[in-house]
C-alpha atoms as a PDB file:
ATOM      1  CA  MET A   1     -15.422-138.984  -2.719  1.00  0.00           C
ATOM      2  CA  LEU A   2     -14.305-139.612   0.860  1.00  0.00           C
ATOM      3  CA  LEU A   3     -15.537-137.527   3.754  1.00  0.00           C
ATOM      4  CA  GLU A   4     -12.953-136.360   6.248  1.00  0.00           C
ATOM      5  CA  PHE A   5     -14.192-135.715   9.759  1.00  0.00           C
ATOM      6  CA  GLN A   6     -12.384-133.665  12.365  1.00  0.00           C
ATOM      7  CA  ALA A   7     -13.166-133.480  16.062  1.00  0.00           C
ATOM      8  CA  THR A   8     -14.073-129.928  16.976  1.00  0.00           C
ATOM      9  CA  PHE A   9     -14.805-130.677  20.642  1.00  0.00           C
ATOM     10  CA  ASN A  10     -13.286-133.079  23.105  1.00  0.00           C
ATOM     11  CA  LEU A  11     -14.675-133.165  26.656  1.00  0.00           C
ATOM     12  CA  HIS A  12     -11.338-134.146  28.176  1.00  0.00           C
ATOM     13  CA  ARG A  13      -9.275-131.694  26.119  1.00  0.00           C
ATOM     14  CA  ASP A  14     -11.604-128.647  26.226  1.00  0.00           C
ATOM     15  CA  VAL A  15     -13.291-128.966  29.641  1.00  0.00           C
ATOM     16  CA  LEU A  16     -11.351-131.156  32.108  1.00  0.00           C
ATOM     17  CA  PRO A  17      -8.239-128.889  32.332  1.00  0.00           C
ATOM     18  CA  TRP A  18     -10.529-125.890  33.073  1.00  0.00           C
ATOM     19  CA  ILE A  19     -12.304-127.779  35.897  1.00  0.00           C
ATOM     20  CA  LEU A  20      -8.950-128.728  37.444  1.00  0.00           C
ATOM     21  CA  THR A  21      -7.785-125.070  37.435  1.00  0.00           C
ATOM     22  CA  GLN A  22     -10.951-123.751  39.123  1.00  0.00           C
ATOM     23  CA  GLY A  23      -9.859-124.796  42.595  1.00  0.00           C
ATOM     24  CA  SER A  24     -13.026-126.853  42.844  1.00  0.00           C
ATOM     25  CA  PRO A  25     -12.674-129.925  45.051  1.00  0.00           C
ATOM     26  CA  VAL A  26     -12.811-132.424  42.217  1.00  0.00           C
ATOM     27  CA  SER A  27     -12.102-136.079  42.762  1.00  0.00           C
ATOM     28  CA  ASP A  28      -8.661-136.905  44.080  1.00  0.00           C
ATOM     29  CA  THR A  29      -7.317-138.202  40.787  1.00  0.00           C
ATOM     30  CA  LEU A  30      -7.609-137.119  37.222  1.00  0.00           C
ATOM     31  CA  GLU A  31      -9.053-140.547  36.333  1.00  0.00           C
ATOM     32  CA  LYS A  32     -11.868-140.247  38.868  1.00  0.00           C
ATOM     33  CA  SER A  33     -12.649-136.697  37.781  1.00  0.00           C
ATOM     34  CA  SER A  34     -12.852-137.661  34.131  1.00  0.00           C
ATOM     35  CA  ARG A  35     -15.258-140.493  34.966  1.00  0.00           C
ATOM     36  CA  THR A  36     -17.788-138.101  36.526  1.00  0.00           C
ATOM     37  CA  LEU A  37     -17.514-135.524  33.716  1.00  0.00           C
ATOM     38  CA  ARG A  38     -20.450-136.023  31.375  1.00  0.00           C
ATOM     39  CA  LEU A  39     -21.884-134.151  28.370  1.00  0.00           C
ATOM     40  CA  ILE A  40     -25.617-133.606  28.956  1.00  0.00           C
ATOM     41  CA  ASN A  41     -26.789-131.409  26.068  1.00  0.00           C
ATOM     42  CA  ILE A  42     -25.791-129.450  22.996  1.00  0.00           C
ATOM     43  CA  GLU A  43     -27.793-126.266  22.616  1.00  0.00           C
ATOM     44  CA  ARG A  44     -29.133-124.911  19.305  1.00  0.00           C
ATOM     45  CA  ASN A  45     -26.426-122.268  19.277  1.00  0.00           C
ATOM     46  CA  GLY A  46     -23.734-124.976  19.560  1.00  0.00           C
ATOM     47  CA  GLN A  47     -22.885-124.409  23.215  1.00  0.00           C
ATOM     48  CA  ILE A  48     -22.306-127.584  25.204  1.00  0.00           C
ATOM     49  CA  LEU A  49     -23.667-128.305  28.665  1.00  0.00           C
ATOM     50  CA  TYR A  50     -21.813-130.771  30.894  1.00  0.00           C
ATOM     51  CA  THR A  51     -21.811-131.898  34.505  1.00  0.00           C
ATOM     52  CA  TRP A  52     -19.228-133.213  36.949  1.00  0.00           C
ATOM     53  CA  LYS A  53     -19.198-134.385  40.537  1.00  0.00           C
ATOM     54  CA  GLY A  54     -16.754-133.145  43.161  1.00  0.00           C
ATOM     55  CA  LEU A  55     -14.892-134.836  45.980  1.00  0.00           C
ATOM     56  CA  GLU A  56     -17.163-133.492  48.719  1.00  0.00           C
ATOM     57  CA  GLY A  57     -20.392-134.736  47.090  1.00  0.00           C
ATOM     58  CA  PHE A  58     -21.363-131.651  45.121  1.00  0.00           C
ATOM     59  CA  THR A  59     -22.516-131.649  41.486  1.00  0.00           C
ATOM     60  CA  SER A  60     -21.845-128.755  39.068  1.00  0.00           C
ATOM     61  CA  VAL A  61     -23.204-127.806  35.658  1.00  0.00           C
ATOM     62  CA  GLY A  62     -20.916-126.048  33.185  1.00  0.00           C
ATOM     63  CA  LEU A  63     -21.223-124.529  29.748  1.00  0.00           C
ATOM     64  CA  TYR A  64     -18.611-124.660  26.957  1.00  0.00           C
ATOM     65  CA  ASP A  65     -18.742-122.133  24.089  1.00  0.00           C
ATOM     66  CA  PRO A  66     -16.895-123.700  21.135  1.00  0.00           C
ATOM     67  CA  CYS A  67     -16.683-120.387  19.217  1.00  0.00           C
ATOM     68  CA  ALA A  68     -15.013-118.512  22.103  1.00  0.00           C
ATOM     69  CA  ARG A  69     -13.387-121.724  23.454  1.00  0.00           C
ATOM     70  CA  GLN A  70     -14.446-120.732  26.990  1.00  0.00           C
ATOM     71  CA  ASN A  71     -15.991-122.590  29.900  1.00  0.00           C
ATOM     72  CA  GLU A  72     -18.351-121.180  32.477  1.00  0.00           C
ATOM     73  CA  MET A  73     -19.860-122.699  35.624  1.00  0.00           C
ATOM     74  CA  LEU A  74     -23.626-122.197  35.547  1.00  0.00           C
ATOM     75  CA  TYR A  75     -24.690-123.810  38.825  1.00  0.00           C
ATOM     76  CA  SER A  76     -23.387-125.972  41.638  1.00  0.00           C
ATOM     77  CA  PHE A  77     -25.476-128.219  43.918  1.00  0.00           C
ATOM     78  CA  ASP A  78     -24.145-128.819  47.407  1.00  0.00           C
ATOM     79  CA  ASN A  79     -25.095-132.505  47.132  1.00  0.00           C
ATOM     80  CA  GLU A  80     -24.796-135.205  44.513  1.00  0.00           C
ATOM     81  CA  VAL A  81     -27.513-134.980  41.854  1.00  0.00           C
ATOM     82  CA  ASN A  82     -27.924-137.408  38.969  1.00  0.00           C
ATOM     83  CA  ILE A  83     -28.564-134.921  36.140  1.00  0.00           C
ATOM     84  CA  ILE A  84     -29.936-136.512  32.982  1.00  0.00           C
ATOM     85  CA  SER A  85     -30.247-133.476  30.711  1.00  0.00           C
ATOM     86  CA  ALA A  86     -30.261-129.705  30.874  1.00  0.00           C
ATOM     87  CA  SER A  87     -30.936-126.616  28.806  1.00  0.00           C
ATOM     88  CA  VAL A  88     -30.167-122.919  29.289  1.00  0.00           C
ATOM     89  CA  ASN A  89     -31.641-119.857  27.601  1.00  0.00           C
ATOM     90  CA  THR A  90     -29.396-117.560  25.550  1.00  0.00           C
ATOM     91  CA  GLU A  91     -29.309-114.913  28.322  1.00  0.00           C
ATOM     92  CA  LYS A  92     -28.202-117.622  30.808  1.00  0.00           C
ATOM     93  CA  THR A  93     -30.911-116.535  33.239  1.00  0.00           C
ATOM     94  CA  LEU A  94     -32.856-119.804  33.205  1.00  0.00           C
ATOM     95  CA  LEU A  95     -31.362-123.277  33.635  1.00  0.00           C
ATOM     96  CA  ALA A  96     -33.767-126.224  33.240  1.00  0.00           C
ATOM     97  CA  LEU A  97     -32.703-129.638  34.530  1.00  0.00           C
ATOM     98  CA  SER A  98     -33.963-133.181  34.399  1.00  0.00           C
ATOM     99  CA  TYR A  99     -32.635-135.358  37.123  1.00  0.00           C
ATOM    100  CA  CYS A 100     -33.268-138.742  38.709  1.00  0.00           C
ATOM    101  CA  HIS A 101     -33.559-139.700  42.392  1.00  0.00           C
ATOM    102  CA  PRO A 102     -32.568-143.213  43.443  1.00  0.00           C
ATOM    103  CA  ALA A 103     -35.557-145.308  44.476  1.00  0.00           C
ATOM    104  CA  SER A 104     -34.352-145.341  48.065  1.00  0.00           C
ATOM    105  CA  GLU A 105     -34.588-141.516  48.290  1.00  0.00           C
ATOM    106  CA  THR A 106     -37.929-141.010  46.717  1.00  0.00           C
ATOM    107  CA  GLN A 107     -41.019-140.263  48.753  1.00  0.00           C
ATOM    108  CA  PHE A 108     -43.372-141.460  46.053  1.00  0.00           C
ATOM    109  CA  GLN A 109     -45.370-144.493  47.206  1.00  0.00           C
ATOM    110  CA  PRO A 110     -46.996-146.361  44.306  1.00  0.00           C
ATOM    111  CA  LEU A 111     -50.513-147.655  44.798  1.00  0.00           C
ATOM    112  CA  SER A 112     -50.728-151.344  45.512  1.00  0.00           C
ATOM    113  CA  PRO A 113     -53.088-153.300  43.183  1.00  0.00           C
ATOM    114  CA  GLY A 114     -55.243-154.335  46.170  1.00  0.00           C
ATOM    115  CA  LYS A 115     -55.823-150.772  47.370  1.00  0.00           C
ATOM    116  CA  PHE A 116     -56.558-149.543  43.843  1.00  0.00           C
ATOM    117  CA  GLU A 117     -59.178-152.263  43.324  1.00  0.00           C
ATOM    118  CA  ARG A 118     -60.856-151.477  46.707  1.00  0.00           C
ATOM    119  CA  ASP A 119     -61.035-147.761  45.865  1.00  0.00           C
ATOM    120  CA  ARG A 120     -62.570-148.463  42.446  1.00  0.00           C
ATOM    121  CA  LYS A 121     -65.330-150.665  43.926  1.00  0.00           C
ATOM    122  CA  ASP A 122     -66.434-147.980  46.455  1.00  0.00           C
END
């Protein structure tokens, strides 16, 4: 018995054309836009969260509903954010994000081993 698999979702087929029709300032070429389009989570109900970066440095989060075959923009940041994962509740009133700051932007200053040892001795 052979299993036959069919693709039910394709990021470039189901999402990219919608992004390009939104009038959002996406990257100047289709190739650049498709490189910044990333799938970040599949919810329990089958809806798919994705992110893309625009030409002017903004980052947006979208939601694709495979049953209705519809896209929806959930949130847009006015700067570039490196989103790692996301989740949204069924009412779409709460969007939780995990993101990463480059080391050069962070304000966190790790303790140096010397300072840590001095503090422990006191």
